[in-house]
PDB file of N, CA and C in Angstrom:
ATOM      1  N   MET A   1       9.427 -14.281   2.952  1.00  0.00           N
ATOM      2  CA  MET A   1       8.302 -13.913   2.096  1.00  0.00           C
ATOM      3  C   MET A   1       8.238 -12.387   2.003  1.00  0.00           C
ATOM      4  N   PRO A   2       8.222 -11.843   0.793  1.00  0.00           N
ATOM      5  CA  PRO A   2       8.282 -10.390   0.643  1.00  0.00           C
ATOM      6  C   PRO A   2       6.988  -9.647   0.962  1.00  0.00           C
ATOM      7  N   VAL A   3       5.849 -10.339   0.936  1.00  0.00           N
ATOM      8  CA  VAL A   3       4.563  -9.688   1.196  1.00  0.00           C
ATOM      9  C   VAL A   3       3.774 -10.532   2.191  1.00  0.00           C
ATOM     10  N   THR A   4       3.351  -9.887   3.289  1.00  0.00           N
ATOM     11  CA  THR A   4       2.509 -10.556   4.281  1.00  0.00           C
ATOM     12  C   THR A   4       1.340  -9.633   4.609  1.00  0.00           C
ATOM     13  N   THR A   5       0.296 -10.210   5.188  1.00  0.00           N
ATOM     14  CA  THR A   5      -0.877  -9.407   5.531  1.00  0.00           C
ATOM     15  C   THR A   5      -1.283  -9.608   6.978  1.00  0.00           C
ATOM     16  N   GLN A   6      -1.988  -8.601   7.475  1.00  0.00           N
ATOM     17  CA  GLN A   6      -2.568  -8.648   8.815  1.00  0.00           C
ATOM     18  C   GLN A   6      -3.956  -8.018   8.698  1.00  0.00           C
ATOM     19  N   GLU A   7      -4.961  -8.685   9.219  1.00  0.00           N
ATOM     20  CA  GLU A   7      -6.333  -8.207   9.095  1.00  0.00           C
ATOM     21  C   GLU A   7      -6.871  -7.798  10.458  1.00  0.00           C
ATOM     22  N   ASP A   8      -7.620  -6.682  10.465  1.00  0.00           N
ATOM     23  CA  ASP A   8      -8.202  -6.152  11.695  1.00  0.00           C
ATOM     24  C   ASP A   8      -9.524  -5.468  11.338  1.00  0.00           C
ATOM     25  N   GLY A   9     -10.617  -6.197  11.467  1.00  0.00           N
ATOM     26  CA  GLY A   9     -11.920  -5.645  11.103  1.00  0.00           C
ATOM     27  C   GLY A   9     -11.970  -5.342   9.618  1.00  0.00           C
ATOM     28  N   MET A  10     -12.365  -4.126   9.272  1.00  0.00           N
ATOM     29  CA  MET A  10     -12.435  -3.716   7.867  1.00  0.00           C
ATOM     30  C   MET A  10     -11.084  -3.236   7.347  1.00  0.00           C
ATOM     31  N   LEU A  11     -10.093  -3.169   8.224  1.00  0.00           N
ATOM     32  CA  LEU A  11      -8.761  -2.698   7.848  1.00  0.00           C
ATOM     33  C   LEU A  11      -7.813  -3.876   7.655  1.00  0.00           C
ATOM     34  N   ALA A  12      -7.073  -3.842   6.561  1.00  0.00           N
ATOM     35  CA  ALA A  12      -6.045  -4.854   6.313  1.00  0.00           C
ATOM     36  C   ALA A  12      -4.730  -4.138   6.048  1.00  0.00           C
ATOM     37  N   THR A  13      -3.664  -4.690   6.611  1.00  0.00           N
ATOM     38  CA  THR A  13      -2.336  -4.141   6.385  1.00  0.00           C
ATOM     39  C   THR A  13      -1.543  -5.141   5.570  1.00  0.00           C
ATOM     40  N   VAL A  14      -0.921  -4.645   4.514  1.00  0.00           N
ATOM     41  CA  VAL A  14      -0.065  -5.462   3.671  1.00  0.00           C
ATOM     42  C   VAL A  14       1.362  -4.946   3.868  1.00  0.00           C
ATOM     43  N   PHE A  15       2.248  -5.841   4.305  1.00  0.00           N
ATOM     44  CA  PHE A  15       3.638  -5.484   4.582  1.00  0.00           C
ATOM     45  C   PHE A  15       4.516  -5.899   3.413  1.00  0.00           C
ATOM     46  N   VAL A  16       5.338  -4.974   2.936  1.00  0.00           N
ATOM     47  CA  VAL A  16       6.286  -5.256   1.853  1.00  0.00           C
ATOM     48  C   VAL A  16       7.684  -5.256   2.460  1.00  0.00           C
ATOM     49  N   ASP A  17       8.409  -6.343   2.246  1.00  0.00           N
ATOM     50  CA  ASP A  17       9.762  -6.487   2.790  1.00  0.00           C
ATOM     51  C   ASP A  17      10.723  -6.749   1.636  1.00  0.00           C
ATOM     52  N   GLY A  18      11.572  -5.787   1.343  1.00  0.00           N
ATOM     53  CA  GLY A  18      12.532  -5.941   0.250  1.00  0.00           C
ATOM     54  C   GLY A  18      12.239  -4.996  -0.889  1.00  0.00           C
ATOM     55  N   ALA A  19      12.689  -5.355  -2.064  1.00  0.00           N
ATOM     56  CA  ALA A  19      12.515  -4.519  -3.251  1.00  0.00           C
ATOM     57  C   ALA A  19      11.078  -4.571  -3.741  1.00  0.00           C
ATOM     58  N   LEU A  20      10.551  -3.430  -4.120  1.00  0.00           N
ATOM     59  CA  LEU A  20       9.225  -3.360  -4.723  1.00  0.00           C
ATOM     60  C   LEU A  20       9.429  -3.384  -6.234  1.00  0.00           C
ATOM     61  N   ASP A  21       9.403  -4.590  -6.790  1.00  0.00           N
ATOM     62  CA  ASP A  21       9.664  -4.805  -8.208  1.00  0.00           C
ATOM     63  C   ASP A  21       8.503  -5.588  -8.796  1.00  0.00           C
ATOM     64  N   SER A  22       8.677  -6.119  -9.989  1.00  0.00           N
ATOM     65  CA  SER A  22       7.571  -6.831 -10.640  1.00  0.00           C
ATOM     66  C   SER A  22       7.142  -8.067  -9.853  1.00  0.00           C
ATOM     67  N   GLN A  23       8.088  -8.808  -9.301  1.00  0.00           N
ATOM     68  CA  GLN A  23       7.749 -10.009  -8.542  1.00  0.00           C
ATOM     69  C   GLN A  23       7.006  -9.648  -7.253  1.00  0.00           C
ATOM     70  N   THR A  24       7.537  -8.698  -6.513  1.00  0.00           N
ATOM     71  CA  THR A  24       6.879  -8.277  -5.276  1.00  0.00           C
ATOM     72  C   THR A  24       5.558  -7.585  -5.587  1.00  0.00           C
ATOM     73  N   GLY A  25       5.533  -6.810  -6.675  1.00  0.00           N
ATOM     74  CA  GLY A  25       4.296  -6.152  -7.080  1.00  0.00           C
ATOM     75  C   GLY A  25       3.201  -7.148  -7.381  1.00  0.00           C
ATOM     76  N   SER A  26       3.558  -8.248  -8.004  1.00  0.00           N
ATOM     77  CA  SER A  26       2.591  -9.308  -8.293  1.00  0.00           C
ATOM     78  C   SER A  26       2.071  -9.934  -6.995  1.00  0.00           C
ATOM     79  N   ALA A  27       2.973 -10.176  -6.048  1.00  0.00           N
ATOM     80  CA  ALA A  27       2.570 -10.722  -4.750  1.00  0.00           C
ATOM     81  C   ALA A  27       1.702  -9.723  -3.993  1.00  0.00           C
ATOM     82  N   LEU A  28       2.045  -8.450  -4.094  1.00  0.00           N
ATOM     83  CA  LEU A  28       1.267  -7.394  -3.449  1.00  0.00           C
ATOM     84  C   LEU A  28      -0.133  -7.341  -4.041  1.00  0.00           C
ATOM     85  N   ASP A  29      -0.228  -7.438  -5.346  1.00  0.00           N
ATOM     86  CA  ASP A  29      -1.526  -7.447  -6.020  1.00  0.00           C
ATOM     87  C   ASP A  29      -2.362  -8.641  -5.566  1.00  0.00           C
ATOM     88  N   GLY A  30      -1.741  -9.810  -5.507  1.00  0.00           N
ATOM     89  CA  GLY A  30      -2.463 -11.005  -5.068  1.00  0.00           C
ATOM     90  C   GLY A  30      -2.948 -10.903  -3.634  1.00  0.00           C
ATOM     91  N   SER A  31      -2.101 -10.397  -2.754  1.00  0.00           N
ATOM     92  CA  SER A  31      -2.487 -10.239  -1.346  1.00  0.00           C
ATOM     93  C   SER A  31      -3.608  -9.226  -1.195  1.00  0.00           C
ATOM     94  N   THR A  32      -3.527  -8.160  -1.971  1.00  0.00           N
ATOM     95  CA  THR A  32      -4.566  -7.131  -1.918  1.00  0.00           C
ATOM     96  C   THR A  32      -5.898  -7.692  -2.399  1.00  0.00           C
ATOM     97  N   ARG A  33      -5.866  -8.440  -3.482  1.00  0.00           N
ATOM     98  CA  ARG A  33      -7.104  -9.047  -3.986  1.00  0.00           C
ATOM     99  C   ARG A  33      -7.709  -9.995  -2.948  1.00  0.00           C
ATOM    100  N   THR A  34      -6.862 -10.764  -2.275  1.00  0.00           N
ATOM    101  CA  THR A  34      -7.339 -11.708  -1.269  1.00  0.00           C
ATOM    102  C   THR A  34      -8.060 -10.991  -0.139  1.00  0.00           C
ATOM    103  N   VAL A  35      -7.461  -9.929   0.406  1.00  0.00           N
ATOM    104  CA  VAL A  35      -8.106  -9.224   1.526  1.00  0.00           C
ATOM    105  C   VAL A  35      -9.340  -8.464   1.062  1.00  0.00           C
ATOM    106  N   MET A  36      -9.326  -7.974  -0.176  1.00  0.00           N
ATOM    107  CA  MET A  36     -10.523  -7.305  -0.693  1.00  0.00           C
ATOM    108  C   MET A  36     -11.653  -8.304  -0.898  1.00  0.00           C
ATOM    109  N   ASP A  37     -11.317  -9.513  -1.353  1.00  0.00           N
ATOM    110  CA  ASP A  37     -12.332 -10.554  -1.519  1.00  0.00           C
ATOM    111  C   ASP A  37     -12.966 -10.939  -0.184  1.00  0.00           C
ATOM    112  N   LYS A  38     -12.231 -10.725   0.893  1.00  0.00           N
ATOM    113  CA  LYS A  38     -12.758 -10.999   2.240  1.00  0.00           C
ATOM    114  C   LYS A  38     -13.589  -9.838   2.773  1.00  0.00           C
ATOM    115  N   GLY A  39     -13.673  -8.750   2.009  1.00  0.00           N
ATOM    116  CA  GLY A  39     -14.511  -7.624   2.410  1.00  0.00           C
ATOM    117  C   GLY A  39     -13.772  -6.423   2.961  1.00  0.00           C
ATOM    118  N   HIS A  40     -12.473  -6.471   3.023  1.00  0.00           N
ATOM    119  CA  HIS A  40     -11.708  -5.326   3.529  1.00  0.00           C
ATOM    120  C   HIS A  40     -11.738  -4.195   2.508  1.00  0.00           C
ATOM    121  N   ARG A  41     -12.049  -2.989   2.983  1.00  0.00           N
ATOM    122  CA  ARG A  41     -12.120  -1.830   2.097  1.00  0.00           C
ATOM    123  C   ARG A  41     -11.165  -0.720   2.512  1.00  0.00           C
ATOM    124  N   ARG A  42     -10.494  -0.907   3.609  1.00  0.00           N
ATOM    125  CA  ARG A  42      -9.474   0.025   4.079  1.00  0.00           C
ATOM    126  C   ARG A  42      -8.158  -0.736   4.065  1.00  0.00           C
ATOM    127  N   LEU A  43      -7.225  -0.314   3.204  1.00  0.00           N
ATOM    128  CA  LEU A  43      -5.954  -1.021   3.075  1.00  0.00           C
ATOM    129  C   LEU A  43      -4.788  -0.104   3.382  1.00  0.00           C
ATOM    130  N   LEU A  44      -3.877  -0.646   4.123  1.00  0.00           N
ATOM    131  CA  LEU A  44      -2.650   0.043   4.480  1.00  0.00           C
ATOM    132  C   LEU A  44      -1.498  -0.758   3.902  1.00  0.00           C
ATOM    133  N   VAL A  45      -0.664  -0.126   3.090  1.00  0.00           N
ATOM    134  CA  VAL A  45       0.524  -0.783   2.542  1.00  0.00           C
ATOM    135  C   VAL A  45       1.716  -0.253   3.327  1.00  0.00           C
ATOM    136  N   ASN A  46       2.298  -1.128   4.120  1.00  0.00           N
ATOM    137  CA  ASN A  46       3.431  -0.759   4.964  1.00  0.00           C
ATOM    138  C   ASN A  46       4.719  -0.950   4.175  1.00  0.00           C
ATOM    139  N   LEU A  47       5.401   0.160   3.913  1.00  0.00           N
ATOM    140  CA  LEU A  47       6.613   0.155   3.091  1.00  0.00           C
ATOM    141  C   LEU A  47       7.880   0.394   3.906  1.00  0.00           C
ATOM    142  N   GLN A  48       7.794   0.275   5.217  1.00  0.00           N
ATOM    143  CA  GLN A  48       8.930   0.582   6.078  1.00  0.00           C
ATOM    144  C   GLN A  48      10.154  -0.281   5.799  1.00  0.00           C
ATOM    145  N   LYS A  49       9.957  -1.503   5.306  1.00  0.00           N
ATOM    146  CA  LYS A  49      11.085  -2.390   5.031  1.00  0.00           C
ATOM    147  C   LYS A  49      11.373  -2.511   3.533  1.00  0.00           C
ATOM    148  N   THR A  50      10.825  -1.597   2.763  1.00  0.00           N
ATOM    149  CA  THR A  50      11.058  -1.612   1.325  1.00  0.00           C
ATOM    150  C   THR A  50      12.424  -1.000   1.043  1.00  0.00           C
ATOM    151  N   LYS A  51      13.259  -1.743   0.368  1.00  0.00           N
ATOM    152  CA  LYS A  51      14.629  -1.291   0.110  1.00  0.00           C
ATOM    153  C   LYS A  51      14.726  -0.396  -1.118  1.00  0.00           C
ATOM    154  N   GLN A  52      13.984  -0.722  -2.158  1.00  0.00           N
ATOM    155  CA  GLN A  52      14.018   0.034  -3.406  1.00  0.00           C
ATOM    156  C   GLN A  52      12.743  -0.251  -4.174  1.00  0.00           C
ATOM    157  N   ALA A  53      12.505   0.528  -5.214  1.00  0.00           N
ATOM    158  CA  ALA A  53      11.329   0.313  -6.053  1.00  0.00           C
ATOM    159  C   ALA A  53      11.686   0.641  -7.489  1.00  0.00           C
ATOM    160  N   ASN A  54      11.084  -0.105  -8.410  1.00  0.00           N
ATOM    161  CA  ASN A  54      11.253   0.220  -9.822  1.00  0.00           C
ATOM    162  C   ASN A  54       9.886   0.550 -10.410  1.00  0.00           C
ATOM    163  N   SER A  55       9.846   0.809 -11.702  1.00  0.00           N
ATOM    164  CA  SER A  55       8.601   1.234 -12.339  1.00  0.00           C
ATOM    165  C   SER A  55       7.511   0.165 -12.229  1.00  0.00           C
ATOM    166  N   ALA A  56       7.878  -1.101 -12.288  1.00  0.00           N
ATOM    167  CA  ALA A  56       6.886  -2.175 -12.166  1.00  0.00           C
ATOM    168  C   ALA A  56       6.273  -2.183 -10.767  1.00  0.00           C
ATOM    169  N   GLY A  57       7.086  -1.936  -9.764  1.00  0.00           N
ATOM    170  CA  GLY A  57       6.578  -1.868  -8.394  1.00  0.00           C
ATOM    171  C   GLY A  57       5.648  -0.684  -8.189  1.00  0.00           C
ATOM    172  N   LEU A  58       6.031   0.460  -8.739  1.00  0.00           N
ATOM    173  CA  LEU A  58       5.175   1.643  -8.642  1.00  0.00           C
ATOM    174  C   LEU A  58       3.869   1.433  -9.395  1.00  0.00           C
ATOM    175  N   GLU A  59       3.971   0.771 -10.542  1.00  0.00           N
ATOM    176  CA  GLU A  59       2.769   0.473 -11.316  1.00  0.00           C
ATOM    177  C   GLU A  59       1.810  -0.409 -10.515  1.00  0.00           C
ATOM    178  N   SER A  60       2.344  -1.345  -9.751  1.00  0.00           N
ATOM    179  CA  SER A  60       1.477  -2.207  -8.944  1.00  0.00           C
ATOM    180  C   SER A  60       0.760  -1.396  -7.868  1.00  0.00           C
ATOM    181  N   LEU A  61       1.434  -0.408  -7.285  1.00  0.00           N
ATOM    182  CA  LEU A  61       0.776   0.452  -6.294  1.00  0.00           C
ATOM    183  C   LEU A  61      -0.373   1.243  -6.928  1.00  0.00           C
ATOM    184  N   VAL A  62      -0.145   1.776  -8.114  1.00  0.00           N
ATOM    185  CA  VAL A  62      -1.189   2.529  -8.819  1.00  0.00           C
ATOM    186  C   VAL A  62      -2.366   1.621  -9.153  1.00  0.00           C
ATOM    187  N   LYS A  63      -2.074   0.418  -9.619  1.00  0.00           N
ATOM    188  CA  LYS A  63      -3.127  -0.550  -9.961  1.00  0.00           C
ATOM    189  C   LYS A  63      -3.964  -0.897  -8.732  1.00  0.00           C
ATOM    190  N   ILE A  64      -3.291  -1.139  -7.627  1.00  0.00           N
ATOM    191  CA  ILE A  64      -3.995  -1.471  -6.389  1.00  0.00           C
ATOM    192  C   ILE A  64      -4.863  -0.306  -5.935  1.00  0.00           C
ATOM    193  N   ALA A  65      -4.328   0.903  -6.025  1.00  0.00           N
ATOM    194  CA  ALA A  65      -5.105   2.084  -5.635  1.00  0.00           C
ATOM    195  C   ALA A  65      -6.376   2.186  -6.470  1.00  0.00           C
ATOM    196  N   SER A  66      -6.267   1.925  -7.756  1.00  0.00           N
ATOM    197  CA  SER A  66      -7.439   1.968  -8.633  1.00  0.00           C
ATOM    198  C   SER A  66      -8.466   0.915  -8.246  1.00  0.00           C
ATOM    199  N   GLN A  67      -7.993  -0.300  -7.936  1.00  0.00           N
ATOM    200  CA  GLN A  67      -8.896  -1.377  -7.545  1.00  0.00           C
ATOM    201  C   GLN A  67      -9.612  -1.052  -6.238  1.00  0.00           C
ATOM    202  N   VAL A  68      -8.880  -0.512  -5.294  1.00  0.00           N
ATOM    203  CA  VAL A  68      -9.468  -0.202  -3.985  1.00  0.00           C
ATOM    204  C   VAL A  68     -10.497   0.923  -4.113  1.00  0.00           C
ATOM    205  N   THR A  69     -10.146   1.983  -4.834  1.00  0.00           N
ATOM    206  CA  THR A  69     -11.088   3.095  -4.961  1.00  0.00           C
ATOM    207  C   THR A  69     -12.302   2.715  -5.807  1.00  0.00           C
ATOM    208  N   ALA A  70     -12.146   1.772  -6.731  1.00  0.00           N
ATOM    209  CA  ALA A  70     -13.267   1.334  -7.572  1.00  0.00           C
ATOM    210  C   ALA A  70     -14.375   0.686  -6.748  1.00  0.00           C
ATOM    211  N   VAL A  71     -14.024   0.133  -5.592  1.00  0.00           N
ATOM    212  CA  VAL A  71     -15.037  -0.500  -4.738  1.00  0.00           C
ATOM    213  C   VAL A  71     -15.375   0.386  -3.538  1.00  0.00           C
ATOM    214  N   GLY A  72     -14.990   1.660  -3.612  1.00  0.00           N
ATOM    215  CA  GLY A  72     -15.308   2.602  -2.544  1.00  0.00           C
ATOM    216  C   GLY A  72     -14.387   2.510  -1.347  1.00  0.00           C
ATOM    217  N   GLY A  73     -13.249   1.879  -1.524  1.00  0.00           N
ATOM    218  CA  GLY A  73     -12.303   1.741  -0.418  1.00  0.00           C
ATOM    219  C   GLY A  73     -11.273   2.844  -0.377  1.00  0.00           C
ATOM    220  N   ARG A  74     -10.379   2.728   0.586  1.00  0.00           N
ATOM    221  CA  ARG A  74      -9.300   3.701   0.756  1.00  0.00           C
ATOM    222  C   ARG A  74      -7.984   2.957   0.920  1.00  0.00           C
ATOM    223  N   LEU A  75      -6.930   3.561   0.387  1.00  0.00           N
ATOM    224  CA  LEU A  75      -5.595   2.989   0.461  1.00  0.00           C
ATOM    225  C   LEU A  75      -4.649   4.039   1.021  1.00  0.00           C
ATOM    226  N   ALA A  76      -3.774   3.606   1.913  1.00  0.00           N
ATOM    227  CA  ALA A  76      -2.744   4.496   2.448  1.00  0.00           C
ATOM    228  C   ALA A  76      -1.408   3.776   2.436  1.00  0.00           C
ATOM    229  N   LEU A  77      -0.357   4.547   2.241  1.00  0.00           N
ATOM    230  CA  LEU A  77       1.009   4.038   2.323  1.00  0.00           C
ATOM    231  C   LEU A  77       1.619   4.539   3.616  1.00  0.00           C
ATOM    232  N   VAL A  78       2.372   3.670   4.278  1.00  0.00           N
ATOM    233  CA  VAL A  78       3.022   4.085   5.511  1.00  0.00           C
ATOM    234  C   VAL A  78       4.513   3.806   5.441  1.00  0.00           C
ATOM    235  N   GLY A  79       5.269   4.791   5.906  1.00  0.00           N
ATOM    236  CA  GLY A  79       6.696   4.626   6.099  1.00  0.00           C
ATOM    237  C   GLY A  79       7.554   4.384   4.887  1.00  0.00           C
ATOM    238  N   PRO A  80       7.246   4.988   3.728  1.00  0.00           N
ATOM    239  CA  PRO A  80       8.173   4.760   2.617  1.00  0.00           C
ATOM    240  C   PRO A  80       9.537   5.340   2.978  1.00  0.00           C
ATOM    241  N   PRO A  81      10.616   4.608   2.726  1.00  0.00           N
ATOM    242  CA  PRO A  81      11.942   5.130   3.021  1.00  0.00           C
ATOM    243  C   PRO A  81      12.200   6.402   2.205  1.00  0.00           C
ATOM    244  N   PRO A  82      13.172   7.201   2.621  1.00  0.00           N
ATOM    245  CA  PRO A  82      13.418   8.492   1.954  1.00  0.00           C
ATOM    246  C   PRO A  82      13.565   8.403   0.433  1.00  0.00           C
ATOM    247  N   LEU A  83      14.291   7.418  -0.061  1.00  0.00           N
ATOM    248  CA  LEU A  83      14.473   7.309  -1.511  1.00  0.00           C
ATOM    249  C   LEU A  83      13.147   7.034  -2.216  1.00  0.00           C
ATOM    250  N   LEU A  84      12.342   6.143  -1.665  1.00  0.00           N
ATOM    251  CA  LEU A  84      11.043   5.842  -2.264  1.00  0.00           C
ATOM    252  C   LEU A  84      10.120   7.055  -2.169  1.00  0.00           C
ATOM    253  N   LEU A  85      10.164   7.769  -1.059  1.00  0.00           N
ATOM    254  CA  LEU A  85       9.356   8.981  -0.921  1.00  0.00           C
ATOM    255  C   LEU A  85       9.768  10.017  -1.961  1.00  0.00           C
ATOM    256  N   ASP A  86      11.065  10.146  -2.208  1.00  0.00           N
ATOM    257  CA  ASP A  86      11.550  11.056  -3.259  1.00  0.00           C
ATOM    258  C   ASP A  86      11.020  10.652  -4.627  1.00  0.00           C
ATOM    259  N   ILE A  87      10.993   9.353  -4.899  1.00  0.00           N
ATOM    260  CA  ILE A  87      10.470   8.861  -6.181  1.00  0.00           C
ATOM    261  C   ILE A  87       8.974   9.174  -6.295  1.00  0.00           C
ATOM    262  N   LEU A  88       8.235   8.945  -5.215  1.00  0.00           N
ATOM    263  CA  LEU A  88       6.798   9.249  -5.223  1.00  0.00           C
ATOM    264  C   LEU A  88       6.562  10.730  -5.484  1.00  0.00           C
ATOM    265  N   ARG A  89       7.391  11.575  -4.899  1.00  0.00           N
ATOM    266  CA  ARG A  89       7.257  13.021  -5.120  1.00  0.00           C
ATOM    267  C   ARG A  89       7.646  13.403  -6.537  1.00  0.00           C
ATOM    268  N   ALA A  90       8.759  12.860  -7.031  1.00  0.00           N
ATOM    269  CA  ALA A  90       9.247  13.204  -8.370  1.00  0.00           C
ATOM    270  C   ALA A  90       8.249  12.790  -9.450  1.00  0.00           C
ATOM    271  N   THR A  91       7.573  11.687  -9.236  1.00  0.00           N
ATOM    272  CA  THR A  91       6.587  11.196 -10.206  1.00  0.00           C
ATOM    273  C   THR A  91       5.183  11.729  -9.908  1.00  0.00           C
ATOM    274  N   ARG A  92       5.073  12.504  -8.848  1.00  0.00           N
ATOM    275  CA  ARG A  92       3.803  13.082  -8.383  1.00  0.00           C
ATOM    276  C   ARG A  92       2.798  12.022  -7.934  1.00  0.00           C
ATOM    277  N   LEU A  93       3.279  10.839  -7.651  1.00  0.00           N
ATOM    278  CA  LEU A  93       2.398   9.785  -7.171  1.00  0.00           C
ATOM    279  C   LEU A  93       1.979   9.999  -5.724  1.00  0.00           C
ATOM    280  N   GLU A  94       2.707  10.833  -4.991  1.00  0.00           N
ATOM    281  CA  GLU A  94       2.300  11.087  -3.602  1.00  0.00           C
ATOM    282  C   GLU A  94       0.934  11.747  -3.562  1.00  0.00           C
ATOM    283  N   ARG A  95       0.503  12.331  -4.678  1.00  0.00           N
ATOM    284  CA  ARG A  95      -0.842  12.919  -4.759  1.00  0.00           C
ATOM    285  C   ARG A  95      -1.909  11.843  -4.918  1.00  0.00           C
ATOM    286  N   ARG A  96      -1.505  10.689  -5.390  1.00  0.00           N
ATOM    287  CA  ARG A  96      -2.430   9.571  -5.633  1.00  0.00           C
ATOM    288  C   ARG A  96      -2.712   8.780  -4.355  1.00  0.00           C
ATOM    289  N   PHE A  97      -1.774   8.867  -3.416  1.00  0.00           N
ATOM    290  CA  PHE A  97      -1.869   8.080  -2.185  1.00  0.00           C
ATOM    291  C   PHE A  97      -1.875   8.983  -0.957  1.00  0.00           C
ATOM    292  N   ALA A  98      -2.519   8.507   0.081  1.00  0.00           N
ATOM    293  CA  ALA A  98      -2.346   9.111   1.392  1.00  0.00           C
ATOM    294  C   ALA A  98      -1.074   8.482   1.957  1.00  0.00           C
ATOM    295  N   VAL A  99      -0.080   9.301   2.283  1.00  0.00           N
ATOM    296  CA  VAL A  99       1.208   8.801   2.750  1.00  0.00           C
ATOM    297  C   VAL A  99       1.413   9.262   4.190  1.00  0.00           C
ATOM    298  N   PHE A 100       1.760   8.315   5.060  1.00  0.00           N
ATOM    299  CA  PHE A 100       1.943   8.605   6.481  1.00  0.00           C
ATOM    300  C   PHE A 100       3.287   8.087   6.962  1.00  0.00           C
ATOM    301  N   GLU A 101       3.820   8.743   7.970  1.00  0.00           N
ATOM    302  CA  GLU A 101       5.094   8.327   8.546  1.00  0.00           C
ATOM    303  C   GLU A 101       4.941   7.111   9.443  1.00  0.00           C
ATOM    304  N   SER A 102       3.826   7.030  10.147  1.00  0.00           N
ATOM    305  CA  SER A 102       3.662   5.936  11.115  1.00  0.00           C
ATOM    306  C   SER A 102       2.398   5.132  10.832  1.00  0.00           C
ATOM    307  N   THR A 103       2.428   3.904  11.278  1.00  0.00           N
ATOM    308  CA  THR A 103       1.280   3.013  11.154  1.00  0.00           C
ATOM    309  C   THR A 103       0.090   3.581  11.926  1.00  0.00           C
ATOM    310  N   GLU A 104       0.353   4.114  13.100  1.00  0.00           N
ATOM    311  CA  GLU A 104      -0.722   4.651  13.936  1.00  0.00           C
ATOM    312  C   GLU A 104      -1.462   5.786  13.227  1.00  0.00           C
ATOM    313  N   GLN A 105      -0.713   6.707  12.605  1.00  0.00           N
ATOM    314  CA  GLN A 105      -1.340   7.818  11.880  1.00  0.00           C
ATOM    315  C   GLN A 105      -2.195   7.295  10.731  1.00  0.00           C
ATOM    316  N   ALA A 106      -1.663   6.368   9.978  1.00  0.00           N
ATOM    317  CA  ALA A 106      -2.383   5.828   8.831  1.00  0.00           C
ATOM    318  C   ALA A 106      -3.640   5.084   9.267  1.00  0.00           C
ATOM    319  N   MET A 107      -3.524   4.259  10.291  1.00  0.00           N
ATOM    320  CA  MET A 107      -4.684   3.493  10.769  1.00  0.00           C
ATOM    321  C   MET A 107      -5.764   4.431  11.287  1.00  0.00           C
ATOM    322  N   GLN A 108      -5.367   5.447  12.015  1.00  0.00           N
ATOM    323  CA  GLN A 108      -6.337   6.408  12.540  1.00  0.00           C
ATOM    324  C   GLN A 108      -7.045   7.105  11.379  1.00  0.00           C
ATOM    325  N   ASN A 109      -6.325   7.526  10.374  1.00  0.00           N
ATOM    326  CA  ASN A 109      -6.908   8.201   9.232  1.00  0.00           C
ATOM    327  C   ASN A 109      -7.861   7.275   8.474  1.00  0.00           C
ATOM    328  N   LEU A 110      -7.472   6.052   8.211  1.00  0.00           N
ATOM    329  CA  LEU A 110      -8.338   5.137   7.476  1.00  0.00           C
ATOM    330  C   LEU A 110      -9.584   4.766   8.261  1.00  0.00           C
ATOM    331  N   ARG A 111      -9.460   4.623   9.552  1.00  0.00           N
ATOM    332  CA  ARG A 111     -10.638   4.267  10.372  1.00  0.00           C
ATOM    333  C   ARG A 111     -11.599   5.422  10.486  1.00  0.00           C
ATOM    334  N   MET A 112     -11.078   6.656  10.514  1.00  0.00           N
ATOM    335  CA  MET A 112     -11.943   7.836  10.623  1.00  0.00           C
ATOM    336  C   MET A 112     -12.840   7.974   9.408  1.00  0.00           C
ATOM    337  N   GLU A 113     -12.389   7.508   8.266  1.00  0.00           N
ATOM    338  CA  GLU A 113     -13.141   7.680   7.040  1.00  0.00           C
ATOM    339  C   GLU A 113     -14.026   6.478   6.725  1.00  0.00           C
ATOM    340  N   SER A 114     -14.288   5.660   7.708  1.00  0.00           N
ATOM    341  CA  SER A 114     -15.120   4.471   7.480  1.00  0.00           C
ATOM    342  C   SER A 114     -16.549   4.858   7.179  1.00  0.00           C
TER     343      SER A 114
END
């Protein structure tokens, strides 16, 4: 399964495993909606196992960020591989997201802003 979730209080982590494309982006959107419907307002998208991303996958990240911020929540990305990080920088999307190297850093940052 390319997208799984883990819930911890108001924080939910969504793990992406494989390519971040239209299919995975759709699953990511669905998982995000599910945890938000449960009341989670702090979301962490773990990209450590993401192999590649295309425009549809990036679009899903932007869409999710908009949905989370619309309800007063926060979204962070953790561990994007070097190629994906380069894409985020080239498209200036790294300005749209809080990006962290480790899960611990991201979780600490999201919890501090509760």
